[in-house]
């Protein structure tokens, strides 16, 4: 913990950071289940070149015969790399995170529809996530 109490929001090993990510991912998966759409979390076989995989996948076609896969990210506005953008406009760090997710998963989009779900710690979602939800 640093003097301002920010370390727990920013540290990759902080339990709160992981809990926020899993809670949002569980919410997405349960929403699909409530709508009768079967999903799997952390699907095997959709690896990127670095071995990472998206957070979830619909088990039935979503659009144009392709299943939907998504990846959740929660950004902290207090991180040194985000303060300047966050001070200028609400949602800027969520938009930046969503853009980075889209770049990371370009190869997955050949066979699946990809949806980034980016959210700031204070509750602002990226515009693509808002349209999706």
N, C-alpha and C. Protein backbone atom coordinates (compact mmCIF):
# COMPACT_ATOMS: atom_id res chain seq x y z
N UNK A 1 0.86 -1.17 0.00
CA UNK A 1 0.00 0.00 0.00
C UNK A 1 0.90 1.23 0.00
N UNK A 2 0.61 2.18 -0.88
CA UNK A 2 1.38 3.42 -0.85
C UNK A 2 0.70 4.43 0.07
N UNK A 3 1.32 5.59 0.23
CA UNK A 3 0.84 6.59 1.17
C UNK A 3 -0.57 7.09 0.82
N UNK A 4 -0.92 7.09 -0.45
CA UNK A 4 -2.25 7.58 -0.86
C UNK A 4 -3.29 6.46 -0.95
N UNK A 5 -2.88 5.23 -0.68
CA UNK A 5 -3.82 4.12 -0.72
C UNK A 5 -4.19 3.64 -2.11
N UNK A 6 -3.36 3.97 -3.09
CA UNK A 6 -3.69 3.64 -4.49
C UNK A 6 -3.15 2.29 -4.94
N UNK A 7 -2.16 1.76 -4.27
CA UNK A 7 -1.50 0.56 -4.74
C UNK A 7 -2.47 -0.61 -4.94
N UNK A 8 -3.43 -0.75 -4.07
CA UNK A 8 -4.35 -1.88 -4.18
C UNK A 8 -5.23 -1.80 -5.43
N UNK A 9 -5.41 -0.60 -5.98
CA UNK A 9 -6.18 -0.47 -7.22
C UNK A 9 -5.34 -0.77 -8.45
N UNK A 10 -4.05 -0.50 -8.38
CA UNK A 10 -3.19 -0.55 -9.54
C UNK A 10 -2.40 -1.85 -9.66
N UNK A 11 -1.98 -2.43 -8.54
CA UNK A 11 -1.10 -3.60 -8.54
C UNK A 11 -1.77 -4.80 -9.22
N UNK A 12 -1.04 -5.45 -10.12
CA UNK A 12 -1.59 -6.60 -10.84
C UNK A 12 -1.87 -7.78 -9.91
N UNK A 13 -1.24 -7.81 -8.74
CA UNK A 13 -1.44 -8.91 -7.80
C UNK A 13 -2.45 -8.58 -6.71
N UNK A 14 -3.04 -7.41 -6.75
CA UNK A 14 -3.99 -7.01 -5.71
C UNK A 14 -5.28 -7.82 -5.84
N UNK A 15 -5.79 -8.37 -4.74
CA UNK A 15 -7.01 -9.18 -4.82
C UNK A 15 -8.23 -8.40 -5.30
N UNK A 16 -8.31 -7.12 -5.00
CA UNK A 16 -9.46 -6.32 -5.44
C UNK A 16 -9.53 -6.17 -6.94
N UNK A 17 -8.38 -6.06 -7.56
CA UNK A 17 -8.33 -5.91 -9.02
C UNK A 17 -8.86 -7.17 -9.70
N UNK A 18 -8.42 -8.30 -9.24
CA UNK A 18 -8.85 -9.57 -9.81
C UNK A 18 -10.34 -9.81 -9.53
N UNK A 19 -10.77 -9.46 -8.33
CA UNK A 19 -12.18 -9.66 -7.95
C UNK A 19 -13.11 -8.82 -8.83
N UNK A 20 -12.72 -7.57 -9.14
CA UNK A 20 -13.56 -6.72 -10.01
C UNK A 20 -13.68 -7.34 -11.39
N UNK A 21 -12.57 -7.83 -11.92
CA UNK A 21 -12.58 -8.46 -13.24
C UNK A 21 -13.49 -9.68 -13.26
N UNK A 22 -13.33 -10.57 -12.28
CA UNK A 22 -14.14 -11.79 -12.24
C UNK A 22 -15.62 -11.49 -12.01
N UNK A 23 -15.91 -10.50 -11.19
CA UNK A 23 -17.32 -10.13 -10.94
C UNK A 23 -17.98 -9.64 -12.22
N UNK A 24 -17.29 -8.80 -12.98
CA UNK A 24 -17.86 -8.30 -14.24
C UNK A 24 -17.99 -9.42 -15.26
N UNK A 25 -17.01 -10.30 -15.34
CA UNK A 25 -17.08 -11.42 -16.27
C UNK A 25 -18.22 -12.37 -15.89
N UNK A 26 -18.40 -12.63 -14.60
CA UNK A 26 -19.51 -13.48 -14.14
C UNK A 26 -20.86 -12.84 -14.47
N UNK A 27 -20.95 -11.53 -14.34
CA UNK A 27 -22.19 -10.82 -14.66
C UNK A 27 -22.55 -10.99 -16.14
N UNK A 28 -21.54 -10.87 -17.00
CA UNK A 28 -21.77 -11.05 -18.45
C UNK A 28 -22.23 -12.48 -18.73
N UNK A 29 -21.54 -13.47 -18.16
CA UNK A 29 -21.89 -14.88 -18.39
C UNK A 29 -23.29 -15.19 -17.86
N UNK A 30 -23.64 -14.68 -16.68
CA UNK A 30 -24.97 -14.93 -16.12
C UNK A 30 -26.06 -14.24 -16.93
N UNK A 31 -25.74 -13.08 -17.51
CA UNK A 31 -26.72 -12.38 -18.35
C UNK A 31 -27.05 -13.21 -19.58
N UNK A 32 -26.02 -13.78 -20.19
CA UNK A 32 -26.26 -14.65 -21.34
C UNK A 32 -27.09 -15.87 -20.92
N UNK A 33 -26.75 -16.47 -19.79
CA UNK A 33 -27.48 -17.65 -19.31
C UNK A 33 -28.95 -17.30 -19.06
N UNK A 34 -29.22 -16.12 -18.50
CA UNK A 34 -30.60 -15.68 -18.25
C UNK A 34 -31.37 -15.51 -19.54
N UNK A 35 -30.66 -15.17 -20.61
CA UNK A 35 -31.30 -15.00 -21.92
C UNK A 35 -31.38 -16.31 -22.69
N UNK A 36 -30.90 -17.40 -22.08
CA UNK A 36 -30.96 -18.70 -22.74
C UNK A 36 -29.84 -18.96 -23.73
N UNK A 37 -28.77 -18.17 -23.64
CA UNK A 37 -27.63 -18.35 -24.54
C UNK A 37 -26.53 -19.08 -23.77
N UNK A 38 -26.21 -20.30 -24.16
CA UNK A 38 -25.15 -21.03 -23.45
C UNK A 38 -23.77 -20.43 -23.75
N UNK A 39 -22.95 -20.32 -22.71
CA UNK A 39 -21.61 -19.76 -22.85
C UNK A 39 -20.61 -20.63 -22.10
N UNK A 40 -19.36 -20.42 -22.43
CA UNK A 40 -18.27 -21.02 -21.66
C UNK A 40 -17.29 -19.90 -21.32
N UNK A 41 -16.79 -19.94 -20.10
CA UNK A 41 -15.81 -18.94 -19.69
C UNK A 41 -14.41 -19.49 -19.93
N UNK A 42 -13.51 -18.59 -20.33
CA UNK A 42 -12.13 -18.93 -20.66
C UNK A 42 -12.05 -20.16 -21.56
N UNK A 43 -12.61 -20.03 -22.77
CA UNK A 43 -12.67 -21.17 -23.69
C UNK A 43 -11.30 -21.68 -24.12
N UNK A 44 -11.17 -22.97 -24.14
CA UNK A 44 -9.94 -23.61 -24.60
C UNK A 44 -9.97 -23.64 -26.12
N UNK A 45 -8.84 -23.38 -26.75
CA UNK A 45 -8.75 -23.46 -28.20
C UNK A 45 -8.83 -22.13 -28.92
N UNK A 46 -9.12 -21.03 -28.21
CA UNK A 46 -9.16 -19.71 -28.84
C UNK A 46 -7.93 -18.90 -28.45
N UNK A 47 -6.79 -19.53 -28.50
CA UNK A 47 -5.57 -18.88 -28.06
C UNK A 47 -5.10 -17.83 -29.06
N UNK A 48 -4.54 -16.78 -28.51
CA UNK A 48 -3.81 -15.84 -29.33
C UNK A 48 -2.40 -16.40 -29.47
N UNK A 49 -1.55 -15.71 -30.17
CA UNK A 49 -0.18 -16.20 -30.36
C UNK A 49 0.60 -16.23 -29.05
N UNK A 50 0.20 -15.44 -28.06
CA UNK A 50 0.91 -15.41 -26.77
C UNK A 50 0.30 -16.37 -25.75
N UNK A 51 -0.69 -17.17 -26.15
CA UNK A 51 -1.28 -18.16 -25.26
C UNK A 51 -2.43 -17.66 -24.42
N UNK A 52 -2.72 -16.36 -24.45
CA UNK A 52 -3.84 -15.83 -23.68
C UNK A 52 -5.13 -16.11 -24.43
N UNK A 53 -6.22 -16.15 -23.70
CA UNK A 53 -7.51 -16.43 -24.32
C UNK A 53 -8.56 -15.45 -23.81
N UNK A 54 -9.64 -15.28 -24.56
CA UNK A 54 -10.70 -14.37 -24.12
C UNK A 54 -11.40 -14.89 -22.87
N UNK A 55 -12.19 -14.04 -22.25
CA UNK A 55 -12.88 -14.41 -21.01
C UNK A 55 -14.10 -15.29 -21.23
N UNK A 56 -14.72 -15.21 -22.40
CA UNK A 56 -15.91 -16.02 -22.62
C UNK A 56 -16.25 -16.18 -24.09
N UNK A 57 -17.14 -17.15 -24.36
CA UNK A 57 -17.54 -17.47 -25.72
C UNK A 57 -18.96 -18.01 -25.70
N UNK A 58 -19.80 -17.53 -26.63
CA UNK A 58 -21.14 -18.11 -26.77
C UNK A 58 -21.00 -19.44 -27.50
N UNK A 59 -21.81 -20.40 -27.13
CA UNK A 59 -21.72 -21.73 -27.73
C UNK A 59 -22.64 -21.89 -28.93
N UNK A 60 -23.36 -20.84 -29.26
CA UNK A 60 -24.19 -20.82 -30.46
C UNK A 60 -23.80 -19.59 -31.28
N UNK A 61 -24.05 -19.61 -32.59
CA UNK A 61 -23.70 -18.44 -33.41
C UNK A 61 -24.39 -17.17 -32.92
N UNK A 62 -23.66 -16.08 -32.94
CA UNK A 62 -24.16 -14.80 -32.47
C UNK A 62 -24.54 -13.90 -33.65
N UNK A 63 -23.67 -13.84 -34.65
CA UNK A 63 -23.91 -12.97 -35.81
C UNK A 63 -23.15 -13.54 -37.01
N UNK A 64 -23.81 -13.60 -38.14
CA UNK A 64 -23.21 -14.10 -39.39
C UNK A 64 -22.59 -15.49 -39.23
N UNK A 65 -23.22 -16.33 -38.42
CA UNK A 65 -22.75 -17.69 -38.22
C UNK A 65 -21.54 -17.81 -37.31
N UNK A 66 -21.13 -16.71 -36.69
CA UNK A 66 -19.96 -16.71 -35.81
C UNK A 66 -20.39 -16.61 -34.35
N UNK A 67 -19.69 -17.32 -33.49
CA UNK A 67 -19.91 -17.18 -32.05
C UNK A 67 -19.31 -15.86 -31.58
N UNK A 68 -19.83 -15.37 -30.47
CA UNK A 68 -19.32 -14.14 -29.86
C UNK A 68 -18.33 -14.50 -28.77
N UNK A 69 -17.18 -13.86 -28.77
CA UNK A 69 -16.27 -13.99 -27.64
C UNK A 69 -16.02 -12.60 -27.07
N UNK A 70 -15.77 -12.56 -25.78
CA UNK A 70 -15.56 -11.27 -25.13
C UNK A 70 -14.37 -11.35 -24.19
N UNK A 71 -13.84 -10.16 -23.89
CA UNK A 71 -12.76 -10.06 -22.92
C UNK A 71 -13.02 -8.82 -22.08
N UNK A 72 -12.97 -9.00 -20.77
CA UNK A 72 -13.27 -7.94 -19.80
C UNK A 72 -11.98 -7.31 -19.30
N UNK A 73 -12.00 -6.00 -19.15
CA UNK A 73 -10.90 -5.31 -18.50
C UNK A 73 -11.46 -4.17 -17.66
N UNK A 74 -10.87 -3.96 -16.49
CA UNK A 74 -11.27 -2.87 -15.60
C UNK A 74 -10.03 -2.02 -15.37
N UNK A 75 -10.10 -0.76 -15.76
CA UNK A 75 -8.96 0.14 -15.62
C UNK A 75 -9.11 1.01 -14.38
N UNK A 76 -7.99 1.35 -13.78
CA UNK A 76 -7.98 2.21 -12.60
C UNK A 76 -7.59 3.62 -13.01
N UNK A 77 -8.44 4.56 -12.70
CA UNK A 77 -8.18 5.95 -13.05
C UNK A 77 -7.00 6.53 -12.27
N UNK A 78 -6.64 5.92 -11.16
CA UNK A 78 -5.56 6.43 -10.32
C UNK A 78 -4.18 5.99 -10.79
N UNK A 79 -4.10 5.10 -11.75
CA UNK A 79 -2.80 4.67 -12.27
C UNK A 79 -2.13 5.87 -12.94
N UNK A 80 -0.84 5.98 -12.74
CA UNK A 80 -0.10 7.13 -13.28
C UNK A 80 -0.29 7.27 -14.79
N UNK A 81 -0.39 6.16 -15.49
CA UNK A 81 -0.55 6.21 -16.94
C UNK A 81 -1.94 6.66 -17.40
N UNK A 82 -2.91 6.72 -16.48
CA UNK A 82 -4.28 7.08 -16.86
C UNK A 82 -4.75 8.43 -16.33
N UNK A 83 -4.04 9.01 -15.40
CA UNK A 83 -4.52 10.23 -14.73
C UNK A 83 -4.78 11.37 -15.71
N UNK A 84 -3.84 11.63 -16.61
CA UNK A 84 -3.98 12.76 -17.52
C UNK A 84 -5.22 12.61 -18.41
N UNK A 85 -5.41 11.44 -19.01
CA UNK A 85 -6.58 11.22 -19.87
C UNK A 85 -7.87 11.26 -19.09
N UNK A 86 -7.87 10.68 -17.89
CA UNK A 86 -9.07 10.65 -17.06
C UNK A 86 -9.48 12.05 -16.62
N UNK A 87 -8.49 12.91 -16.42
CA UNK A 87 -8.79 14.29 -16.02
C UNK A 87 -9.43 15.08 -17.16
N UNK A 88 -9.10 14.72 -18.40
CA UNK A 88 -9.66 15.43 -19.55
C UNK A 88 -11.09 15.00 -19.88
N UNK A 89 -11.36 13.69 -19.82
CA UNK A 89 -12.68 13.21 -20.24
C UNK A 89 -13.04 11.90 -19.55
N UNK A 90 -14.25 11.84 -19.03
CA UNK A 90 -14.74 10.60 -18.41
C UNK A 90 -14.84 9.53 -19.49
N UNK A 91 -14.38 8.35 -19.16
CA UNK A 91 -14.47 7.23 -20.08
C UNK A 91 -13.27 7.06 -20.99
N UNK A 92 -12.31 8.00 -20.93
CA UNK A 92 -11.17 7.93 -21.85
C UNK A 92 -10.31 6.70 -21.61
N UNK A 93 -10.12 6.30 -20.36
CA UNK A 93 -9.30 5.12 -20.10
C UNK A 93 -10.03 3.84 -20.52
N UNK A 94 -11.34 3.82 -20.39
CA UNK A 94 -12.12 2.66 -20.84
C UNK A 94 -12.04 2.54 -22.36
N UNK A 95 -12.13 3.67 -23.06
CA UNK A 95 -12.02 3.66 -24.53
C UNK A 95 -10.65 3.17 -24.97
N UNK A 96 -9.61 3.65 -24.28
CA UNK A 96 -8.25 3.24 -24.61
C UNK A 96 -8.07 1.73 -24.36
N UNK A 97 -8.61 1.24 -23.26
CA UNK A 97 -8.50 -0.19 -22.94
C UNK A 97 -9.25 -1.03 -23.97
N UNK A 98 -10.43 -0.58 -24.40
CA UNK A 98 -11.21 -1.32 -25.40
C UNK A 98 -10.45 -1.38 -26.73
N UNK A 99 -9.82 -0.28 -27.11
CA UNK A 99 -9.03 -0.26 -28.35
C UNK A 99 -7.87 -1.24 -28.27
N UNK A 100 -7.19 -1.27 -27.12
CA UNK A 100 -6.08 -2.22 -26.95
C UNK A 100 -6.56 -3.66 -27.02
N UNK A 101 -7.73 -3.95 -26.44
CA UNK A 101 -8.28 -5.32 -26.51
C UNK A 101 -8.59 -5.70 -27.95
N UNK A 102 -9.16 -4.77 -28.71
CA UNK A 102 -9.48 -5.07 -30.11
C UNK A 102 -8.22 -5.40 -30.90
N UNK A 103 -7.15 -4.64 -30.65
CA UNK A 103 -5.87 -4.91 -31.33
C UNK A 103 -5.32 -6.27 -30.94
N UNK A 104 -5.44 -6.65 -29.67
CA UNK A 104 -4.90 -7.92 -29.20
C UNK A 104 -5.63 -9.12 -29.78
N UNK A 105 -6.91 -8.95 -30.09
CA UNK A 105 -7.73 -10.08 -30.53
C UNK A 105 -8.10 -10.01 -32.01
N UNK A 106 -7.32 -9.33 -32.83
CA UNK A 106 -7.65 -9.24 -34.25
C UNK A 106 -7.66 -10.61 -34.93
N UNK A 107 -6.77 -11.51 -34.53
CA UNK A 107 -6.71 -12.83 -35.16
C UNK A 107 -7.92 -13.70 -34.80
N UNK A 108 -8.52 -13.47 -33.66
CA UNK A 108 -9.70 -14.23 -33.24
C UNK A 108 -10.91 -13.84 -34.08
N UNK A 109 -10.92 -12.60 -34.58
CA UNK A 109 -12.07 -12.10 -35.33
C UNK A 109 -12.27 -12.78 -36.67
N UNK A 110 -11.33 -13.56 -37.13
CA UNK A 110 -11.51 -14.28 -38.39
C UNK A 110 -12.61 -15.33 -38.26
N UNK A 111 -12.74 -15.92 -37.07
CA UNK A 111 -13.71 -16.99 -36.86
C UNK A 111 -14.81 -16.64 -35.86
N UNK A 112 -14.65 -15.55 -35.14
CA UNK A 112 -15.59 -15.17 -34.08
C UNK A 112 -15.83 -13.68 -34.09
N UNK A 113 -16.95 -13.27 -33.56
CA UNK A 113 -17.22 -11.85 -33.33
C UNK A 113 -16.58 -11.52 -31.98
N UNK A 114 -15.74 -10.48 -31.92
CA UNK A 114 -15.07 -10.13 -30.66
C UNK A 114 -15.69 -8.87 -30.08
N UNK A 115 -15.95 -8.90 -28.77
CA UNK A 115 -16.51 -7.76 -28.05
C UNK A 115 -15.64 -7.42 -26.84
N UNK A 116 -14.94 -6.28 -26.89
CA UNK A 116 -14.23 -5.87 -25.68
C UNK A 116 -15.21 -5.25 -24.69
N UNK A 117 -15.05 -5.56 -23.42
CA UNK A 117 -15.88 -4.97 -22.38
C UNK A 117 -14.93 -4.27 -21.41
N UNK A 118 -14.79 -2.97 -21.58
CA UNK A 118 -13.86 -2.19 -20.77
C UNK A 118 -14.65 -1.26 -19.85
N UNK A 119 -14.19 -1.19 -18.61
CA UNK A 119 -14.87 -0.38 -17.60
C UNK A 119 -13.82 0.29 -16.72
N UNK A 120 -14.11 1.50 -16.29
CA UNK A 120 -13.25 2.20 -15.34
C UNK A 120 -13.70 1.83 -13.93
N UNK A 121 -12.79 1.94 -12.96
CA UNK A 121 -13.11 1.56 -11.59
C UNK A 121 -14.27 2.37 -11.01
N UNK A 122 -14.53 3.54 -11.53
CA UNK A 122 -15.64 4.36 -11.03
C UNK A 122 -16.93 4.12 -11.79
N UNK A 123 -16.95 3.13 -12.68
CA UNK A 123 -18.20 2.69 -13.28
C UNK A 123 -18.48 3.12 -14.70
N UNK A 124 -17.60 3.86 -15.35
CA UNK A 124 -17.84 4.29 -16.73
C UNK A 124 -17.40 3.18 -17.67
N UNK A 125 -18.30 2.76 -18.59
CA UNK A 125 -18.00 1.74 -19.59
C UNK A 125 -17.54 2.39 -20.88
N UNK A 126 -16.81 1.64 -21.69
CA UNK A 126 -16.45 2.11 -23.03
C UNK A 126 -17.72 2.18 -23.87
N UNK A 127 -17.69 2.96 -24.93
CA UNK A 127 -18.89 3.13 -25.77
C UNK A 127 -19.30 1.81 -26.42
N UNK A 128 -18.33 0.98 -26.84
CA UNK A 128 -18.69 -0.31 -27.46
C UNK A 128 -19.33 -1.24 -26.44
N UNK A 129 -18.88 -1.20 -25.20
CA UNK A 129 -19.50 -2.02 -24.16
C UNK A 129 -20.91 -1.54 -23.86
N UNK A 130 -21.12 -0.23 -23.85
CA UNK A 130 -22.47 0.31 -23.61
C UNK A 130 -23.43 -0.11 -24.71
N UNK A 131 -22.97 -0.07 -25.96
CA UNK A 131 -23.82 -0.49 -27.07
C UNK A 131 -24.13 -1.97 -26.99
N UNK A 132 -23.16 -2.75 -26.56
CA UNK A 132 -23.34 -4.19 -26.43
C UNK A 132 -24.35 -4.53 -25.36
N UNK A 133 -24.19 -3.90 -24.20
CA UNK A 133 -25.06 -4.18 -23.06
C UNK A 133 -26.43 -3.61 -23.34
